[in-house]
């Protein structure tokens, strides 16, 4: 997916790049009428990809004119896999009538390995991340609310037997004011950090290139929301992001590096409408202007599109729910000497059946038109694919 630089500033919005899915998860939540609200989660990850290739003669559709040692008929395997474990705890409590205190902690360990047969890219790595956040939300009056928080994250990393540590502390501010019963104004500001993954750091170490410094983002957003009725809502936001040491990769299989500074200005218009109890839809459009400044030069920001649009249509019938999603992205530049990426439109379909409130069966069909596109340079997106699964709440 294309990385978004329109960030919602929340202290407890945890995000670890590369932690793709949780295969096993256990969660405990307190009862809603408890004075203290808390939950504890434990999850385990297994994420694996395999590629097998058999060398063929030209007469069989391959590329080899003949078989001779060592290019005898042989299966080649190239793959990568990762495993991980995590635990997360969150709690909140009311401090009087106007204050709500929230805090939490999270620990995640992810191990990354490439296939032993792929000796030219023998990348190994481990990320250990520990995070803490503290957030205080209070109401000045019936119309104005403010949230102030701080988040601290520390990283212990081992990439190709090169060990390193890093840490960051980031503040967050949100102010919301109800202008009228139908209009709400919100301002948010915050700072975030992005640490390079162990598998990416291993690529640089193998290439004898310095590991990128953490990416540091400052985010500001002003948002106006208007409710036409209980069924229709309009949202207009303008935002600005200042990125220092943005992490990019422009060469296929090559190292990652930092861009000195990236400035992003943009606006987003969103609309939601509930036609009936069964049918609802949404649409949003984002425009961005982004510039890279590096080595004294200012250029169009590599890898960031100028326009994006998302569309969605949801239909509910009893215990069934179906959602059709569309996404359009225009092209973007990839820097000097690299081909520009073309725009694309894709569609996904999500079907869900809930026989009871704590059990759901889902089928997700992604890229249903089998669109051939790249969501970033040298990164072909998957063709049509599907995921069938079951989720349960205990």
Protein backbone atom coordinates (compact mmCIF):
# COMPACT_ATOMS: atom_id res chain seq x y z
CA UNK A 1 0.00 0.00 0.00
CA UNK A 2 1.08 3.56 -0.65
CA UNK A 3 2.44 5.18 2.48
CA UNK A 4 0.23 8.01 3.71
CA UNK A 5 1.69 11.16 5.21
CA UNK A 6 -1.64 12.41 6.44
CA UNK A 7 -1.28 11.22 10.02
CA UNK A 8 -3.99 11.10 12.64
CA UNK A 9 -2.26 12.33 15.77
CA UNK A 10 -3.01 9.90 18.57
CA UNK A 11 -0.66 8.70 21.24
CA UNK A 12 -2.10 5.18 21.28
CA UNK A 13 -2.14 4.67 17.51
CA UNK A 14 0.52 1.94 17.48
CA UNK A 15 2.03 1.06 14.13
CA UNK A 16 4.96 -1.24 13.36
CA UNK A 17 5.95 -1.41 9.71
CA UNK A 18 6.27 -4.99 8.55
CA UNK A 19 4.08 -6.56 11.25
CA UNK A 20 1.66 -7.76 8.60
CA UNK A 21 -0.79 -9.97 10.42
CA UNK A 22 -1.48 -11.66 13.72
CA UNK A 23 -2.10 -15.35 13.28
CA UNK A 24 -2.95 -16.00 16.92
CA UNK A 25 -4.35 -13.44 19.34
CA UNK A 26 -5.75 -13.58 22.86
CA UNK A 27 -7.49 -10.57 24.40
CA UNK A 28 -9.08 -9.77 27.72
CA UNK A 29 -11.20 -6.68 28.31
CA UNK A 30 -12.74 -5.29 31.49
CA UNK A 31 -16.50 -4.93 31.85
CA UNK A 32 -17.94 -1.60 30.57
CA UNK A 33 -19.32 -0.69 34.01
CA UNK A 34 -15.93 -1.00 35.76
CA UNK A 35 -14.41 2.25 37.01
CA UNK A 36 -11.15 1.19 35.40
CA UNK A 37 -11.30 0.18 31.74
CA UNK A 38 -8.43 -2.04 30.64
CA UNK A 39 -7.48 -4.70 28.13
CA UNK A 40 -4.53 -7.03 27.65
CA UNK A 41 -3.60 -8.64 24.33
CA UNK A 42 -1.12 -11.32 23.39
CA UNK A 43 -0.45 -12.26 19.77
CA UNK A 44 1.86 -14.50 17.77
CA UNK A 45 2.89 -13.95 14.16
CA UNK A 46 4.01 -16.35 11.44
CA UNK A 47 4.51 -14.75 8.02
CA UNK A 48 6.21 -16.70 5.23
CA UNK A 49 6.74 -16.44 1.50
CA UNK A 50 8.24 -19.10 -0.80
CA UNK A 51 9.25 -19.02 -4.47
CA UNK A 52 10.26 -22.20 -6.30
CA UNK A 53 11.73 -22.14 -9.83
CA UNK A 54 12.76 -25.05 -12.06
CA UNK A 55 15.33 -24.43 -14.82
CA UNK A 56 14.08 -25.58 -18.21
CA UNK A 57 15.52 -26.17 -21.64
CA UNK A 58 14.59 -23.72 -24.40
CA UNK A 59 12.70 -26.55 -26.09
CA UNK A 60 10.53 -26.80 -22.97
CA UNK A 61 9.89 -23.08 -22.73
CA UNK A 62 12.90 -22.21 -20.59
CA UNK A 63 16.11 -20.31 -21.22
CA UNK A 64 18.83 -22.99 -21.14
CA UNK A 65 20.16 -24.22 -24.53
CA UNK A 66 21.33 -27.46 -22.87
CA UNK A 67 21.89 -29.03 -19.49
CA UNK A 68 25.46 -29.25 -18.24
CA UNK A 69 26.90 -29.15 -14.78
CA UNK A 70 26.14 -27.19 -12.65
CA UNK A 71 22.99 -26.14 -14.55
CA UNK A 72 21.52 -29.61 -14.47
CA UNK A 73 17.74 -29.90 -14.02
CA UNK A 74 17.16 -28.50 -10.55
CA UNK A 75 14.57 -26.81 -8.39
CA UNK A 76 15.65 -23.52 -6.83
CA UNK A 77 13.99 -22.10 -3.73
CA UNK A 78 14.09 -18.47 -2.66
CA UNK A 79 11.98 -17.21 0.20
CA UNK A 80 11.76 -15.31 3.43
CA UNK A 81 9.87 -15.75 6.65
CA UNK A 82 9.32 -13.91 9.91
CA UNK A 83 7.98 -14.85 13.32
CA UNK A 84 7.07 -12.65 16.21
CA UNK A 85 5.41 -12.30 19.59
CA UNK A 86 3.82 -9.31 21.23
CA UNK A 87 1.98 -8.25 24.36
CA UNK A 88 0.01 -5.07 24.86
CA UNK A 89 -1.79 -3.57 27.87
CA UNK A 90 -3.99 -0.46 27.94
CA UNK A 91 -5.95 1.13 30.79
CA UNK A 92 -8.04 4.23 31.40
CA UNK A 93 -9.88 5.80 34.30
CA UNK A 94 -11.93 8.92 35.02
CA UNK A 95 -10.30 11.64 37.14
CA UNK A 96 -13.36 13.59 38.14
CA UNK A 97 -16.07 14.73 35.75
CA UNK A 98 -13.79 16.40 33.19
CA UNK A 99 -10.63 14.28 33.02
CA UNK A 100 -9.99 10.88 31.46
CA UNK A 101 -6.51 9.41 31.96
CA UNK A 102 -5.24 6.69 29.61
CA UNK A 103 -1.94 4.86 29.52
CA UNK A 104 -0.46 1.69 28.11
CA UNK A 105 2.58 -0.33 27.16
CA UNK A 106 3.51 -2.65 24.31
CA UNK A 107 6.37 -5.04 23.59
CA UNK A 108 6.95 -6.70 20.20
CA UNK A 109 9.77 -8.95 19.03
CA UNK A 110 10.03 -9.84 15.33
CA UNK A 111 12.64 -12.18 13.81
CA UNK A 112 13.37 -11.95 10.09
CA UNK A 113 15.16 -14.57 7.95
CA UNK A 114 15.83 -15.10 4.27
CA UNK A 115 16.13 -18.51 2.69
CA UNK A 116 19.45 -20.27 3.24
CA UNK A 117 19.62 -21.05 -0.50
CA UNK A 118 19.53 -17.34 -1.33
CA UNK A 119 23.13 -16.74 -0.23
CA UNK A 120 23.52 -13.47 -2.15
CA UNK A 121 20.88 -11.91 0.10
CA UNK A 122 21.50 -13.62 3.39
CA UNK A 123 19.74 -11.04 5.52
CA UNK A 124 18.89 -11.86 9.13
CA UNK A 125 17.54 -9.57 11.77
CA UNK A 126 15.61 -9.05 14.98
CA UNK A 127 13.58 -6.05 16.11
CA UNK A 128 12.64 -5.60 19.78
CA UNK A 129 10.39 -2.62 20.35
CA UNK A 130 9.05 -1.34 23.66
CA UNK A 131 6.53 1.50 23.78
CA UNK A 132 4.73 3.48 26.47
CA UNK A 133 2.10 6.18 26.20
CA UNK A 134 0.30 8.50 28.61
CA UNK A 135 -2.71 10.57 27.57
CA UNK A 136 -4.97 13.00 29.45
CA UNK A 137 -8.27 14.09 27.92
CA UNK A 138 -10.42 16.73 29.53
CA UNK A 139 -13.41 18.95 28.75
CA UNK A 140 -13.25 22.69 29.33
CA UNK A 141 -17.01 22.94 28.83
CA UNK A 142 -19.78 21.23 26.88
CA UNK A 143 -18.30 22.42 23.55
CA UNK A 144 -14.52 22.26 23.92
CA UNK A 145 -12.32 19.24 24.56
CA UNK A 146 -8.55 18.79 24.59
CA UNK A 147 -6.25 15.78 24.63
CA UNK A 148 -2.58 16.00 25.53
CA UNK A 149 -0.32 12.98 25.36
CA UNK A 150 3.21 11.69 25.09
CA UNK A 151 4.57 8.47 23.61
CA UNK A 152 8.00 6.90 24.13
CA UNK A 153 9.43 4.09 22.00
CA UNK A 154 12.74 2.28 22.27
CA UNK A 155 14.28 -0.07 19.71
CA UNK A 156 16.86 -2.81 20.15
CA UNK A 157 17.97 -4.19 16.79
CA UNK A 158 20.27 -6.93 15.51
CA UNK A 159 20.74 -6.82 11.71
CA UNK A 160 23.25 -9.26 10.19
CA UNK A 161 24.95 -9.48 13.60
CA UNK A 162 25.28 -5.70 13.87
CA UNK A 163 23.57 -4.53 17.07
CA UNK A 164 22.12 -1.06 17.67
CA UNK A 165 19.67 0.78 19.92
CA UNK A 166 17.55 3.88 19.46
CA UNK A 167 14.68 5.70 21.17
CA UNK A 168 12.25 8.56 20.65
CA UNK A 169 9.73 10.55 22.68
CA UNK A 170 6.88 12.25 20.81
CA UNK A 171 4.15 14.67 22.01
CA UNK A 172 0.56 14.86 20.71
CA UNK A 173 -2.09 17.59 21.02
CA UNK A 174 -5.75 17.52 19.92
CA UNK A 175 -8.34 20.29 20.43
CA UNK A 176 -11.98 19.87 19.40
CA UNK A 177 -14.63 22.60 19.50
CA UNK A 178 -18.32 22.32 18.61
CA UNK A 179 -19.19 25.49 16.71
CA UNK A 180 -22.85 24.49 16.40
CA UNK A 181 -24.83 21.30 16.78
CA UNK A 182 -23.93 20.46 13.17
CA UNK A 183 -20.38 21.85 12.92
CA UNK A 184 -17.21 20.69 14.67
CA UNK A 185 -13.72 22.16 14.36
CA UNK A 186 -10.61 20.14 15.27
CA UNK A 187 -6.91 21.02 15.41
CA UNK A 188 -4.20 18.42 15.94
CA UNK A 189 -0.42 18.55 16.12
CA UNK A 190 2.13 15.90 16.87
CA UNK A 191 5.44 14.30 16.13
CA UNK A 192 6.16 10.73 15.07
CA UNK A 193 9.24 8.61 14.38
CA UNK A 194 9.79 5.74 11.93
CA UNK A 195 12.68 3.38 12.69
CA UNK A 196 14.15 1.34 9.85
CA UNK A 197 13.30 -2.37 10.06
CA UNK A 198 15.98 -4.94 10.81
CA UNK A 199 15.52 -6.56 7.40
CA UNK A 200 16.03 -3.17 5.69
CA UNK A 201 19.05 -2.40 7.87
CA UNK A 202 20.49 -5.81 6.94
CA UNK A 203 20.24 -4.91 3.24
CA UNK A 204 22.33 -1.78 3.83
CA UNK A 205 24.87 -3.61 5.97
CA UNK A 206 25.33 -6.28 3.30
CA UNK A 207 25.87 -3.50 0.71
CA UNK A 208 28.34 -1.73 3.05
CA UNK A 209 26.06 1.33 3.15
CA UNK A 210 25.17 3.29 6.28
CA UNK A 211 21.86 2.31 7.90
CA UNK A 212 19.27 5.10 7.52
CA UNK A 213 18.63 7.38 10.47
CA UNK A 214 15.10 7.33 11.96
CA UNK A 215 12.53 9.30 10.00
CA UNK A 216 11.07 12.18 12.03
CA UNK A 217 7.70 13.67 11.09
CA UNK A 218 5.96 16.79 12.41
CA UNK A 219 2.23 16.81 11.61
CA UNK A 220 -0.36 19.57 11.74
CA UNK A 221 -4.02 19.31 10.73
CA UNK A 222 -7.11 21.55 10.83
CA UNK A 223 -10.41 19.75 10.25
CA UNK A 224 -14.03 20.94 9.85
CA UNK A 225 -16.91 18.48 10.02
CA UNK A 226 -20.51 19.28 9.10
CA UNK A 227 -23.52 17.03 9.64
CA UNK A 228 -26.29 17.75 7.13
CA UNK A 229 -28.49 15.19 8.89
CA UNK A 230 -28.09 11.95 10.85
CA UNK A 231 -27.60 10.31 7.44
CA UNK A 232 -25.11 12.67 5.73
CA UNK A 233 -21.75 14.05 6.87
CA UNK A 234 -19.06 16.18 5.19
CA UNK A 235 -15.44 16.42 6.32
CA UNK A 236 -12.88 18.94 5.06
CA UNK A 237 -9.27 18.96 6.31
CA UNK A 238 -6.05 20.77 5.45
CA UNK A 239 -2.75 19.35 6.65
CA UNK A 240 0.98 19.97 6.65
CA UNK A 241 3.76 17.48 7.31
CA UNK A 242 7.45 18.26 7.68
CA UNK A 243 9.57 15.12 7.33
CA UNK A 244 13.24 15.01 8.29
CA UNK A 245 15.36 12.10 7.02
CA UNK A 246 12.53 10.47 5.05
CA UNK A 247 13.43 6.82 4.36
CA UNK A 248 13.22 5.83 0.68
CA UNK A 249 14.42 3.08 -1.68
CA UNK A 250 14.72 3.82 -5.39
CA UNK A 251 16.79 0.89 -6.71
CA UNK A 252 15.29 -2.58 -6.96
CA UNK A 253 16.95 -4.73 -4.30
CA UNK A 254 19.19 -1.78 -3.42
CA UNK A 255 19.83 -0.05 -0.10
CA UNK A 256 17.63 2.42 1.75
CA UNK A 257 18.69 5.99 2.38
CA UNK A 258 17.50 9.30 3.87
CA UNK A 259 16.22 12.39 2.11
CA UNK A 260 17.22 15.48 4.09
CA UNK A 261 13.79 17.09 4.23
CA UNK A 262 10.36 16.59 2.68
CA UNK A 263 7.57 19.16 2.97
CA UNK A 264 4.01 18.03 2.26
CA UNK A 265 0.93 20.24 2.02
CA UNK A 266 -2.49 18.90 1.26
CA UNK A 267 -6.26 18.85 1.66
CA UNK A 268 -8.82 16.09 1.97
CA UNK A 269 -12.55 16.17 1.29
CA UNK A 270 -14.70 13.31 2.54
CA UNK A 271 -18.41 12.53 2.42
CA UNK A 272 -20.49 9.77 4.04
CA UNK A 273 -24.12 9.02 3.32
CA UNK A 274 -26.55 6.49 4.75
CA UNK A 275 -29.24 5.91 2.14
CA UNK A 276 -31.22 3.34 4.13
CA UNK A 277 -30.69 1.14 7.17
CA UNK A 278 -29.13 -1.40 4.80
CA UNK A 279 -27.19 0.73 2.28
CA UNK A 280 -24.43 3.30 2.96
CA UNK A 281 -21.55 4.82 1.00
CA UNK A 282 -18.50 7.03 1.40
CA UNK A 283 -16.05 8.89 -0.83
CA UNK A 284 -12.91 10.89 -0.10
CA UNK A 285 -10.45 12.79 -2.25
CA UNK A 286 -6.92 13.83 -1.22
CA UNK A 287 -4.67 16.36 -2.93
CA UNK A 288 -1.01 16.73 -1.95
CA UNK A 289 1.94 18.87 -2.98
CA UNK A 290 5.27 17.43 -1.82
CA UNK A 291 8.87 18.56 -2.28
CA UNK A 292 12.18 16.89 -1.43
CA UNK A 293 15.15 18.98 -0.36
CA UNK A 294 18.48 17.17 -0.41
CA UNK A 295 22.07 18.24 -1.14
CA UNK A 296 20.91 21.80 -1.77
CA UNK A 297 18.39 20.79 -4.48
CA UNK A 298 14.58 20.96 -4.39
CA UNK A 299 12.65 18.42 -6.48
CA UNK A 300 9.22 16.84 -6.69
CA UNK A 301 9.02 14.36 -3.80
CA UNK A 302 9.86 10.84 -4.95
CA UNK A 303 7.20 8.20 -4.47
CA UNK A 304 4.38 10.48 -3.23
CA UNK A 305 1.31 10.84 -5.49
CA UNK A 306 -0.43 14.19 -5.87
CA UNK A 307 -3.99 12.85 -5.93
CA UNK A 308 -5.83 9.89 -4.38
CA UNK A 309 -9.49 8.89 -4.21
CA UNK A 310 -11.29 6.18 -2.23
CA UNK A 311 -14.87 5.00 -2.75
CA UNK A 312 -16.92 2.52 -0.76
CA UNK A 313 -20.39 0.99 -0.83
CA UNK A 314 -21.72 -1.21 1.99
CA UNK A 315 -24.90 -3.30 2.05
CA UNK A 316 -26.23 -5.07 5.15
CA UNK A 317 -28.91 -7.74 5.18
CA UNK A 318 -29.52 -9.44 8.52
CA UNK A 319 -26.32 -11.22 9.49
CA UNK A 320 -24.68 -10.55 6.11
CA UNK A 321 -22.55 -7.57 5.14
CA UNK A 322 -20.86 -6.83 1.82
CA UNK A 323 -18.52 -3.93 1.01
CA UNK A 324 -17.15 -2.87 -2.36
CA UNK A 325 -14.08 -0.62 -2.20
CA UNK A 326 -12.39 1.33 -4.99
CA UNK A 327 -9.05 3.16 -4.88
CA UNK A 328 -7.60 5.50 -7.50
CA UNK A 329 -4.05 6.91 -7.34
CA UNK A 330 -2.41 9.14 -9.92
CA UNK A 331 1.23 8.73 -10.95
CA UNK A 332 4.25 10.02 -9.07
CA UNK A 333 7.89 10.74 -9.76
CA UNK A 334 10.68 8.49 -8.52
CA UNK A 335 13.65 10.85 -8.68
CA UNK A 336 16.32 11.34 -11.31
CA UNK A 337 17.35 8.36 -13.47
CA UNK A 338 14.38 6.26 -12.30
CA UNK A 339 11.16 5.68 -14.25
CA UNK A 340 8.05 7.48 -13.09
CA UNK A 341 5.17 5.34 -11.85
CA UNK A 342 1.83 5.39 -13.62
CA UNK A 343 -1.48 5.79 -11.85
CA UNK A 344 -3.93 2.98 -11.22
CA UNK A 345 -7.45 2.06 -10.09
CA UNK A 346 -8.19 -1.10 -8.12
CA UNK A 347 -11.27 -2.59 -6.47
CA UNK A 348 -11.71 -4.98 -3.54
CA UNK A 349 -14.75 -6.89 -2.28
CA UNK A 350 -15.36 -7.86 1.33
CA UNK A 351 -18.11 -10.37 2.29
CA UNK A 352 -18.90 -11.10 5.93
CA UNK A 353 -21.39 -13.32 7.78
CA UNK A 354 -21.94 -13.08 11.55
CA UNK A 355 -24.08 -15.96 12.84
CA UNK A 356 -23.69 -14.48 16.34
CA UNK A 357 -22.19 -11.33 17.88
CA UNK A 358 -18.85 -12.91 18.82
CA UNK A 359 -18.28 -14.93 15.61
CA UNK A 360 -17.64 -13.81 12.05
CA UNK A 361 -16.82 -15.57 8.78
CA UNK A 362 -15.29 -13.40 6.05
CA UNK A 363 -14.15 -13.62 2.43
CA UNK A 364 -11.98 -10.83 1.05
CA UNK A 365 -11.31 -10.63 -2.67
CA UNK A 366 -8.51 -8.17 -3.44
CA UNK A 367 -7.79 -6.58 -6.83
CA UNK A 368 -10.88 -8.20 -8.30
CA UNK A 369 -10.09 -6.84 -11.80
CA UNK A 370 -6.57 -8.33 -11.62
CA UNK A 371 -4.99 -4.93 -12.28
CA UNK A 372 -1.25 -4.97 -13.10
CA UNK A 373 0.25 -2.04 -11.20
CA UNK A 374 3.02 -0.96 -8.80
CA UNK A 375 2.16 0.62 -5.46
CA UNK A 376 5.78 1.81 -5.21
CA UNK A 377 8.85 1.69 -7.43
CA UNK A 378 9.88 -1.86 -8.47
CA UNK A 379 7.17 -3.28 -6.18
CA UNK A 380 4.48 -5.00 -8.31
CA UNK A 381 1.25 -5.38 -6.37
CA UNK A 382 -0.43 -8.75 -6.12
CA UNK A 383 -2.93 -9.75 -8.76
CA UNK A 384 -6.41 -10.99 -7.92
CA UNK A 385 -6.27 -12.90 -4.62
CA UNK A 386 -8.62 -13.87 -1.83
CA UNK A 387 -8.58 -14.55 1.91
CA UNK A 388 -11.11 -16.76 3.69
CA UNK A 389 -11.17 -16.70 7.48
CA UNK A 390 -13.00 -16.78 10.79
CA UNK A 391 -12.65 -14.38 13.73
CA UNK A 392 -13.96 -14.88 17.26
CA UNK A 393 -14.21 -12.68 20.36
CA UNK A 394 -13.88 -14.31 23.76
